[in-house]
């Protein structure tokens, strides 16, 4: 049944370490939970999201690992670009009935079977409020990256969460 939220439940796995680039205040766990909740409670959304076990991985997990890594200390060449705050990697099924990495099988071609978000460990983030030109609001960036984690691309709507440039603060989804 494709209409059941539990048919495609989403589990994320946090690497608990953070660097000095993240300001004290709210924990990254609380910010990630709030950011996933923004998508799970969006109007007309039927999405079941939960936090899985912590992960010790500091590199991208294999597709069949069942780990959807959220990492604040991982290094990756895709984080080296100018203005890159975080990067999301997704893997999708290329056949029906293939292992989905979570103990089941894929139901359709293009079904996301794994996602990971790596936050730039050298980028300064605030955990307590709107960002500035020098410090990014972690929750704003997390809500945006979770959109990619769920399979969305960028939006051309300037004030949309999925617009490619990060505003000072944009944590609430709009109807676009």
N, C-alpha and C. Protein backbone atom coordinates (compact mmCIF):
# COMPACT_ATOMS: atom_id res chain seq x y z
N UNK A 1 0.84 -1.18 0.00
CA UNK A 1 0.00 0.00 0.00
C UNK A 1 0.89 1.24 0.00
N UNK A 2 0.88 1.99 -1.10
CA UNK A 2 1.74 3.17 -1.24
C UNK A 2 1.24 4.37 -0.46
N UNK A 3 -0.01 4.33 0.03
CA UNK A 3 -0.56 5.49 0.73
C UNK A 3 -0.30 5.45 2.22
N UNK A 4 0.17 4.35 2.74
CA UNK A 4 0.43 4.23 4.17
C UNK A 4 1.77 4.89 4.52
N UNK A 5 1.78 5.77 5.56
CA UNK A 5 3.06 6.38 5.96
C UNK A 5 4.12 5.35 6.34
N UNK A 6 3.70 4.21 6.86
CA UNK A 6 4.68 3.21 7.28
C UNK A 6 5.23 2.41 6.10
N UNK A 7 4.61 2.55 4.91
CA UNK A 7 5.10 1.82 3.74
C UNK A 7 6.51 2.26 3.38
N UNK A 8 6.83 3.51 3.62
CA UNK A 8 8.15 4.05 3.30
C UNK A 8 8.64 4.88 4.48
N UNK A 9 8.71 4.27 5.64
CA UNK A 9 9.16 5.01 6.81
C UNK A 9 10.63 5.41 6.62
N UNK A 10 10.97 6.53 7.20
CA UNK A 10 12.31 7.09 7.05
C UNK A 10 13.00 7.06 8.41
N UNK A 11 14.18 6.51 8.43
CA UNK A 11 14.98 6.46 9.65
C UNK A 11 16.30 7.15 9.38
N UNK A 12 16.72 8.01 10.29
CA UNK A 12 18.01 8.69 10.14
C UNK A 12 18.91 8.28 11.29
N UNK A 13 20.23 8.27 11.00
CA UNK A 13 21.23 7.81 11.96
C UNK A 13 22.26 8.91 12.16
N UNK A 14 22.31 9.44 13.35
CA UNK A 14 23.19 10.56 13.67
C UNK A 14 24.56 10.08 14.14
N UNK A 15 25.60 10.67 13.56
CA UNK A 15 26.94 10.54 14.13
C UNK A 15 26.99 11.63 15.20
N UNK A 16 27.15 11.27 16.47
CA UNK A 16 26.93 12.24 17.55
C UNK A 16 28.01 13.31 17.73
N UNK A 17 29.17 13.14 17.13
CA UNK A 17 30.25 14.11 17.34
C UNK A 17 29.99 15.40 16.58
N UNK A 18 30.36 16.49 17.18
CA UNK A 18 30.30 17.80 16.53
C UNK A 18 31.61 18.52 16.77
N UNK A 19 31.92 19.44 15.88
CA UNK A 19 33.14 20.22 16.01
C UNK A 19 32.88 21.54 16.71
N UNK A 20 33.94 22.32 16.82
CA UNK A 20 33.85 23.64 17.45
C UNK A 20 33.14 24.66 16.55
N UNK A 21 32.82 24.24 15.32
CA UNK A 21 32.14 25.14 14.39
C UNK A 21 30.65 25.29 14.72
N UNK A 22 30.13 24.49 15.64
CA UNK A 22 28.72 24.55 15.99
C UNK A 22 28.60 25.20 17.35
N UNK A 23 27.85 26.31 17.38
CA UNK A 23 27.72 27.07 18.63
C UNK A 23 26.96 26.28 19.68
N UNK A 24 27.26 26.54 20.95
CA UNK A 24 26.50 25.87 22.00
C UNK A 24 25.06 26.37 22.01
N UNK A 25 24.21 25.60 22.60
CA UNK A 25 22.78 25.93 22.65
C UNK A 25 21.99 24.64 22.49
N UNK A 26 21.15 24.59 21.50
CA UNK A 26 20.39 23.38 21.23
C UNK A 26 21.34 22.29 20.71
N UNK A 27 21.01 21.04 20.97
CA UNK A 27 21.84 19.95 20.48
C UNK A 27 21.54 19.68 19.00
N UNK A 28 22.51 19.12 18.30
CA UNK A 28 22.28 18.78 16.89
C UNK A 28 21.17 17.73 16.78
N UNK A 29 21.07 16.85 17.76
CA UNK A 29 19.99 15.84 17.76
C UNK A 29 18.63 16.54 17.79
N UNK A 30 18.46 17.52 18.68
CA UNK A 30 17.18 18.25 18.76
C UNK A 30 16.90 19.01 17.46
N UNK A 31 17.92 19.61 16.89
CA UNK A 31 17.74 20.36 15.64
C UNK A 31 17.35 19.42 14.50
N UNK A 32 18.01 18.27 14.42
CA UNK A 32 17.67 17.31 13.36
C UNK A 32 16.25 16.78 13.55
N UNK A 33 15.86 16.48 14.77
CA UNK A 33 14.51 15.99 15.03
C UNK A 33 13.47 17.05 14.63
N UNK A 34 13.72 18.30 14.99
CA UNK A 34 12.79 19.38 14.62
C UNK A 34 12.74 19.57 13.11
N UNK A 35 13.88 19.44 12.46
CA UNK A 35 13.95 19.62 11.01
C UNK A 35 13.22 18.51 10.26
N UNK A 36 13.40 17.26 10.69
CA UNK A 36 12.64 16.16 10.08
C UNK A 36 11.15 16.32 10.37
N UNK A 37 10.83 16.80 11.57
CA UNK A 37 9.43 17.00 11.93
C UNK A 37 8.76 18.06 11.04
N UNK A 38 9.52 19.06 10.61
CA UNK A 38 8.95 20.07 9.70
C UNK A 38 8.40 19.41 8.44
N UNK A 39 9.10 18.41 7.94
CA UNK A 39 8.64 17.69 6.74
C UNK A 39 7.53 16.70 7.08
N UNK A 40 7.64 16.01 8.22
CA UNK A 40 6.65 14.99 8.59
C UNK A 40 5.29 15.59 8.89
N UNK A 41 5.27 16.85 9.33
CA UNK A 41 3.99 17.49 9.69
C UNK A 41 3.53 18.51 8.65
N UNK A 42 4.16 18.51 7.50
CA UNK A 42 3.75 19.44 6.43
C UNK A 42 2.34 19.12 5.98
N UNK A 43 1.58 20.13 5.55
CA UNK A 43 0.22 19.87 5.07
C UNK A 43 0.22 18.82 3.96
N UNK A 44 -0.70 17.91 4.03
CA UNK A 44 -0.88 16.84 3.04
C UNK A 44 0.27 15.84 3.00
N UNK A 45 1.15 15.86 3.98
CA UNK A 45 2.25 14.91 4.02
C UNK A 45 1.82 13.66 4.79
N UNK A 46 2.24 12.53 4.31
CA UNK A 46 2.05 11.27 5.04
C UNK A 46 3.42 10.62 5.12
N UNK A 47 4.17 11.03 6.10
CA UNK A 47 5.55 10.60 6.22
C UNK A 47 5.82 10.18 7.65
N UNK A 48 6.37 9.01 7.81
CA UNK A 48 6.75 8.51 9.12
C UNK A 48 8.26 8.61 9.25
N UNK A 49 8.74 9.39 10.22
CA UNK A 49 10.17 9.63 10.40
C UNK A 49 10.56 9.27 11.83
N UNK A 50 11.73 8.64 11.97
CA UNK A 50 12.22 8.33 13.31
C UNK A 50 13.74 8.35 13.32
N UNK A 51 14.28 8.57 14.50
CA UNK A 51 15.73 8.49 14.67
C UNK A 51 16.12 7.04 14.91
N UNK A 52 17.10 6.57 14.17
CA UNK A 52 17.62 5.22 14.37
C UNK A 52 18.78 5.25 15.35
N UNK A 53 19.53 4.19 15.37
CA UNK A 53 20.69 4.11 16.26
C UNK A 53 21.78 5.07 15.81
N UNK A 54 22.60 5.49 16.75
CA UNK A 54 23.73 6.34 16.40
C UNK A 54 24.68 5.58 15.49
N UNK A 55 25.40 6.33 14.67
CA UNK A 55 26.36 5.73 13.76
C UNK A 55 27.76 6.25 14.06
N UNK A 56 28.73 5.37 13.97
CA UNK A 56 30.12 5.75 14.15
C UNK A 56 30.79 6.05 12.81
N UNK A 57 30.05 5.91 11.71
CA UNK A 57 30.63 6.12 10.38
C UNK A 57 31.07 7.57 10.20
N UNK A 58 32.21 7.76 9.55
CA UNK A 58 32.67 9.10 9.19
C UNK A 58 32.88 9.21 7.68
N UNK A 59 32.43 8.19 6.96
CA UNK A 59 32.42 8.21 5.50
C UNK A 59 31.03 7.77 5.06
N UNK A 60 30.72 8.02 3.81
CA UNK A 60 29.41 7.64 3.31
C UNK A 60 29.18 6.14 3.46
N UNK A 61 28.02 5.75 3.98
CA UNK A 61 27.74 4.33 4.14
C UNK A 61 27.44 3.67 2.79
N UNK A 62 27.64 2.35 2.73
CA UNK A 62 27.28 1.62 1.52
C UNK A 62 25.76 1.62 1.40
N UNK A 63 25.27 1.48 0.20
CA UNK A 63 23.83 1.52 -0.07
C UNK A 63 23.09 0.45 0.71
N UNK A 64 23.69 -0.72 0.85
CA UNK A 64 23.00 -1.82 1.51
C UNK A 64 23.20 -1.84 3.04
N UNK A 65 23.79 -0.81 3.60
CA UNK A 65 24.08 -0.78 5.04
C UNK A 65 22.84 -0.52 5.89
N UNK A 66 21.82 0.10 5.32
CA UNK A 66 20.65 0.48 6.09
C UNK A 66 20.86 1.73 6.92
N UNK A 67 21.99 2.40 6.74
CA UNK A 67 22.31 3.61 7.51
C UNK A 67 22.06 4.84 6.64
N UNK A 68 21.28 5.76 7.17
CA UNK A 68 21.05 7.07 6.55
C UNK A 68 21.76 8.09 7.44
N UNK A 69 23.02 8.31 7.14
CA UNK A 69 23.94 9.05 8.01
C UNK A 69 23.68 10.55 8.00
N UNK A 70 23.69 11.13 9.20
CA UNK A 70 23.70 12.58 9.40
C UNK A 70 25.00 12.85 10.14
N UNK A 71 25.91 13.61 9.52
CA UNK A 71 27.26 13.76 10.09
C UNK A 71 27.73 15.21 10.06
N UNK A 72 28.32 15.63 11.17
CA UNK A 72 28.85 16.99 11.31
C UNK A 72 30.37 17.03 11.35
N UNK A 73 31.02 15.87 11.34
CA UNK A 73 32.48 15.81 11.38
C UNK A 73 33.06 15.07 10.18
N UNK A 74 32.24 14.65 9.27
CA UNK A 74 32.70 13.90 8.10
C UNK A 74 33.33 14.84 7.08
N UNK A 75 34.40 14.40 6.49
CA UNK A 75 35.06 15.14 5.41
C UNK A 75 34.63 14.53 4.09
N UNK A 76 34.47 15.36 3.07
CA UNK A 76 34.10 14.88 1.74
C UNK A 76 34.50 15.95 0.73
N UNK A 77 34.98 15.51 -0.43
CA UNK A 77 35.43 16.48 -1.45
C UNK A 77 34.30 17.39 -1.93
N UNK A 78 33.04 16.94 -1.83
CA UNK A 78 31.92 17.77 -2.27
C UNK A 78 31.64 18.95 -1.33
N UNK A 79 32.24 18.93 -0.15
CA UNK A 79 32.08 20.02 0.81
C UNK A 79 33.12 21.13 0.60
N UNK A 80 34.01 20.97 -0.34
CA UNK A 80 35.11 21.91 -0.54
C UNK A 80 34.73 23.14 -1.36
N UNK A 81 33.57 23.12 -2.03
CA UNK A 81 33.20 24.24 -2.90
C UNK A 81 32.84 25.50 -2.13
N UNK A 82 33.01 26.62 -2.78
CA UNK A 82 32.67 27.91 -2.20
C UNK A 82 31.18 27.97 -1.89
N UNK A 83 30.84 28.29 -0.66
CA UNK A 83 29.45 28.44 -0.27
C UNK A 83 28.70 27.15 -0.02
N UNK A 84 29.38 26.01 -0.03
CA UNK A 84 28.72 24.73 0.23
C UNK A 84 28.63 24.54 1.75
N UNK A 85 27.40 24.51 2.26
CA UNK A 85 27.18 24.38 3.70
C UNK A 85 27.02 22.92 4.11
N UNK A 86 26.43 22.15 3.22
CA UNK A 86 26.18 20.74 3.47
C UNK A 86 25.90 20.09 2.12
N UNK A 87 25.97 18.77 2.10
CA UNK A 87 25.69 18.05 0.87
C UNK A 87 24.91 16.79 1.23
N UNK A 88 23.94 16.45 0.38
CA UNK A 88 23.12 15.26 0.59
C UNK A 88 23.33 14.30 -0.55
N UNK A 89 23.51 13.05 -0.21
CA UNK A 89 23.69 11.98 -1.18
C UNK A 89 22.49 11.04 -1.08
N UNK A 90 21.88 10.72 -2.20
CA UNK A 90 20.79 9.75 -2.20
C UNK A 90 21.09 8.63 -3.18
N UNK A 91 20.58 7.45 -2.86
CA UNK A 91 20.67 6.29 -3.75
C UNK A 91 19.25 5.83 -4.04
N UNK A 92 19.00 5.50 -5.28
CA UNK A 92 17.66 5.08 -5.68
C UNK A 92 17.70 3.71 -6.35
N UNK A 93 16.60 3.00 -6.25
CA UNK A 93 16.47 1.68 -6.86
C UNK A 93 16.43 1.79 -8.38
N UNK A 94 17.10 0.87 -9.04
CA UNK A 94 17.03 0.83 -10.49
C UNK A 94 16.22 -0.37 -10.99
N UNK A 95 15.61 -1.12 -10.04
CA UNK A 95 14.76 -2.25 -10.41
C UNK A 95 13.77 -2.53 -9.29
N UNK A 96 12.63 -3.08 -9.62
CA UNK A 96 11.64 -3.51 -8.64
C UNK A 96 12.09 -4.84 -8.05
N UNK A 97 11.92 -5.01 -6.75
CA UNK A 97 12.23 -6.27 -6.10
C UNK A 97 13.67 -6.43 -5.63
N UNK A 98 14.48 -5.40 -5.79
CA UNK A 98 15.87 -5.45 -5.31
C UNK A 98 15.90 -5.22 -3.80
N UNK A 99 16.94 -5.69 -3.11
CA UNK A 99 17.05 -5.38 -1.68
C UNK A 99 17.08 -3.87 -1.46
N UNK A 100 16.33 -3.41 -0.46
CA UNK A 100 16.27 -1.97 -0.22
C UNK A 100 17.24 -1.50 0.87
N UNK A 101 18.04 -2.42 1.41
CA UNK A 101 19.01 -2.06 2.45
C UNK A 101 18.40 -1.93 3.83
N UNK A 102 17.09 -2.13 3.93
CA UNK A 102 16.40 -2.00 5.22
C UNK A 102 15.59 -3.25 5.55
N UNK A 103 15.96 -4.36 4.92
CA UNK A 103 15.28 -5.62 5.21
C UNK A 103 14.10 -5.94 4.32
N UNK A 104 13.84 -5.10 3.35
CA UNK A 104 12.73 -5.34 2.42
C UNK A 104 13.21 -5.30 0.99
N UNK A 105 12.29 -5.15 0.08
CA UNK A 105 12.64 -5.04 -1.34
C UNK A 105 12.02 -3.78 -1.91
N UNK A 106 12.61 -3.30 -2.98
CA UNK A 106 12.12 -2.08 -3.61
C UNK A 106 10.79 -2.34 -4.29
N UNK A 107 9.95 -1.31 -4.29
CA UNK A 107 8.61 -1.41 -4.86
C UNK A 107 8.49 -0.74 -6.22
N UNK A 108 9.41 0.20 -6.50
CA UNK A 108 9.36 0.87 -7.80
C UNK A 108 10.74 1.43 -8.14
N UNK A 109 10.99 1.58 -9.42
CA UNK A 109 12.23 2.17 -9.89
C UNK A 109 12.24 3.64 -9.46
N UNK A 110 13.36 4.07 -8.91
CA UNK A 110 13.48 5.44 -8.42
C UNK A 110 13.20 5.58 -6.94
N UNK A 111 12.77 4.50 -6.30
CA UNK A 111 12.53 4.54 -4.85
C UNK A 111 13.84 4.83 -4.15
N UNK A 112 13.84 5.83 -3.27
CA UNK A 112 15.06 6.14 -2.52
C UNK A 112 15.30 5.04 -1.51
N UNK A 113 16.50 4.49 -1.55
CA UNK A 113 16.85 3.41 -0.63
C UNK A 113 17.94 3.82 0.36
N UNK A 114 18.49 4.99 0.19
CA UNK A 114 19.48 5.48 1.13
C UNK A 114 19.76 6.95 0.91
N UNK A 115 19.93 7.69 2.00
CA UNK A 115 20.29 9.11 1.95
C UNK A 115 21.24 9.41 3.09
N UNK A 116 22.15 10.31 2.86
CA UNK A 116 23.06 10.78 3.90
C UNK A 116 23.29 12.27 3.74
N UNK A 117 23.40 12.96 4.86
CA UNK A 117 23.67 14.40 4.85
C UNK A 117 24.98 14.63 5.59
N UNK A 118 25.91 15.31 4.92
CA UNK A 118 27.17 15.70 5.53
C UNK A 118 27.19 17.22 5.63
N UNK A 119 27.37 17.74 6.83
CA UNK A 119 27.48 19.17 7.05
C UNK A 119 28.95 19.55 7.04
N UNK A 120 29.27 20.67 6.44
CA UNK A 120 30.67 21.12 6.35
C UNK A 120 31.21 21.35 7.75
N UNK A 121 32.22 20.58 8.16
CA UNK A 121 32.77 20.73 9.52
C UNK A 121 33.58 22.01 9.73
N UNK A 122 33.80 22.77 8.67
CA UNK A 122 34.53 24.03 8.84
C UNK A 122 33.59 25.24 8.78
N UNK A 123 32.32 25.01 8.47
CA UNK A 123 31.34 26.09 8.37
C UNK A 123 30.80 26.43 9.75
N UNK A 124 30.83 27.71 10.16
CA UNK A 124 30.25 28.05 11.47
C UNK A 124 28.72 28.02 11.42
N UNK A 125 28.12 27.34 12.40
CA UNK A 125 26.66 27.23 12.49
C UNK A 125 26.21 27.74 13.85
N UNK A 126 25.05 28.41 13.86
CA UNK A 126 24.39 28.77 15.10
C UNK A 126 23.27 27.78 15.35
N UNK A 127 23.04 27.47 16.63
CA UNK A 127 21.96 26.55 17.00
C UNK A 127 20.85 27.27 17.75
N UNK A 128 20.96 28.59 17.85
CA UNK A 128 20.02 29.33 18.71
C UNK A 128 19.22 30.41 18.00
N UNK A 129 19.35 30.55 16.71
CA UNK A 129 18.55 31.59 16.08
C UNK A 129 18.94 31.84 14.66
N UNK A 130 18.43 32.92 14.09
CA UNK A 130 18.73 33.22 12.69
C UNK A 130 20.23 33.35 12.45
N UNK A 131 20.61 32.98 11.25
CA UNK A 131 22.01 33.10 10.88
C UNK A 131 22.36 34.51 10.48
N UNK A 132 23.61 34.68 10.07
CA UNK A 132 24.11 35.96 9.58
C UNK A 132 24.91 35.67 8.31
N UNK A 133 25.55 36.67 7.77
CA UNK A 133 26.41 36.44 6.61
C UNK A 133 27.61 35.55 6.96
N UNK A 134 28.02 35.56 8.23
CA UNK A 134 29.20 34.80 8.64
C UNK A 134 28.86 33.46 9.31
N UNK A 135 27.66 33.32 9.86
CA UNK A 135 27.28 32.12 10.60
C UNK A 135 25.92 31.65 10.10
N UNK A 136 25.83 30.39 9.68
CA UNK A 136 24.59 29.84 9.14
C UNK A 136 23.71 29.25 10.24
N UNK A 137 22.42 29.42 10.09
CA UNK A 137 21.46 28.82 11.01
C UNK A 137 21.37 27.33 10.70
N UNK A 138 21.78 26.49 11.64
CA UNK A 138 21.84 25.05 11.41
C UNK A 138 20.47 24.47 11.07
N UNK A 139 19.42 24.91 11.73
CA UNK A 139 18.10 24.35 11.45
C UNK A 139 17.63 24.72 10.04
N UNK A 140 17.90 25.91 9.58
CA UNK A 140 17.55 26.31 8.22
C UNK A 140 18.24 25.40 7.20
N UNK A 141 19.53 25.18 7.40
CA UNK A 141 20.30 24.33 6.49
C UNK A 141 19.79 22.89 6.58
N UNK A 142 19.50 22.41 7.78
CA UNK A 142 19.02 21.04 7.97
C UNK A 142 17.67 20.82 7.28
N UNK A 143 16.74 21.74 7.43
CA UNK A 143 15.43 21.58 6.78
C UNK A 143 15.61 21.50 5.26
N UNK A 144 16.46 22.34 4.71
CA UNK A 144 16.74 22.32 3.27
C UNK A 144 17.34 20.97 2.86
N UNK A 145 18.38 20.53 3.56
CA UNK A 145 19.05 19.28 3.19
C UNK A 145 18.13 18.06 3.36
N UNK A 146 17.24 18.10 4.34
CA UNK A 146 16.30 17.00 4.50
C UNK A 146 15.34 16.94 3.31
N UNK A 147 15.03 18.07 2.72
CA UNK A 147 14.26 18.05 1.47
C UNK A 147 14.97 17.22 0.41
N UNK A 148 16.28 17.40 0.27
CA UNK A 148 17.06 16.57 -0.65
C UNK A 148 17.08 15.11 -0.19
N UNK A 149 17.25 14.90 1.10
CA UNK A 149 17.26 13.56 1.71
C UNK A 149 15.99 12.80 1.31
N UNK A 150 14.88 13.51 1.20
CA UNK A 150 13.59 12.92 0.84
C UNK A 150 13.35 12.87 -0.66
N UNK A 151 14.29 13.42 -1.45
CA UNK A 151 14.20 13.30 -2.90
C UNK A 151 13.84 14.57 -3.65
N UNK A 152 13.75 15.70 -2.97
CA UNK A 152 13.39 16.94 -3.65
C UNK A 152 14.61 17.63 -4.25
N UNK A 153 14.37 18.39 -5.30
CA UNK A 153 15.41 19.18 -5.94
C UNK A 153 15.23 20.63 -5.50
N UNK A 154 16.03 21.52 -6.02
CA UNK A 154 15.90 22.94 -5.70
C UNK A 154 14.65 23.54 -6.32
N UNK A 155 14.18 24.61 -5.71
CA UNK A 155 13.01 25.36 -6.17
C UNK A 155 13.47 26.70 -6.72
N UNK A 156 12.73 27.22 -7.66
CA UNK A 156 13.00 28.56 -8.19
C UNK A 156 12.31 29.65 -7.39
N UNK A 157 11.53 29.28 -6.38
CA UNK A 157 10.82 30.25 -5.55
C UNK A 157 11.80 30.79 -4.51
N UNK A 158 12.05 32.09 -4.54
CA UNK A 158 13.12 32.69 -3.75
C UNK A 158 12.98 32.44 -2.25
N UNK A 159 11.83 32.52 -1.66
CA UNK A 159 11.68 32.33 -0.21
C UNK A 159 11.33 30.90 0.17
N UNK A 160 11.47 29.95 -0.76
CA UNK A 160 11.18 28.55 -0.46
C UNK A 160 12.34 27.92 0.29
N UNK A 161 12.04 26.96 1.14
CA UNK A 161 13.08 26.22 1.85
C UNK A 161 14.05 25.58 0.87
N UNK A 162 13.55 25.15 -0.29
CA UNK A 162 14.39 24.44 -1.25
C UNK A 162 15.06 25.36 -2.27
N UNK A 163 15.02 26.67 -2.05
CA UNK A 163 15.79 27.58 -2.90
C UNK A 163 17.27 27.30 -2.66
N UNK A 164 18.11 27.35 -3.71
CA UNK A 164 19.51 26.93 -3.55
C UNK A 164 20.39 27.80 -2.66
N UNK A 165 20.00 29.02 -2.36
CA UNK A 165 20.80 29.88 -1.47
C UNK A 165 20.12 29.94 -0.11
N UNK A 166 20.91 29.83 0.93
CA UNK A 166 20.38 29.78 2.29
C UNK A 166 20.05 31.17 2.81
N UNK A 167 18.79 31.38 3.24
CA UNK A 167 18.46 32.66 3.88
C UNK A 167 18.95 32.65 5.33
N UNK A 168 18.80 33.78 6.03
CA UNK A 168 19.21 33.85 7.43
C UNK A 168 18.46 32.84 8.28
N UNK A 169 17.14 32.70 8.01
CA UNK A 169 16.32 31.74 8.75
C UNK A 169 15.11 31.38 7.89
N UNK A 170 14.94 30.11 7.62
CA UNK A 170 13.78 29.62 6.87
C UNK A 170 13.54 28.18 7.31
N UNK A 171 12.75 28.02 8.37
CA UNK A 171 12.55 26.70 8.97
C UNK A 171 11.17 26.12 8.70
N UNK A 172 10.27 26.95 8.21
CA UNK A 172 8.87 26.54 8.00
C UNK A 172 8.64 26.35 6.51
N UNK A 173 8.02 25.25 6.16
CA UNK A 173 7.73 24.97 4.76
C UNK A 173 6.57 25.83 4.28
N UNK A 174 6.65 26.29 3.05
CA UNK A 174 5.54 27.02 2.45
C UNK A 174 4.85 26.08 1.45
N UNK A 175 3.79 26.54 0.85
CA UNK A 175 2.99 25.67 -0.01
C UNK A 175 3.63 25.33 -1.35
N UNK A 176 4.73 25.95 -1.70
CA UNK A 176 5.35 25.64 -2.97
C UNK A 176 5.93 24.25 -2.95
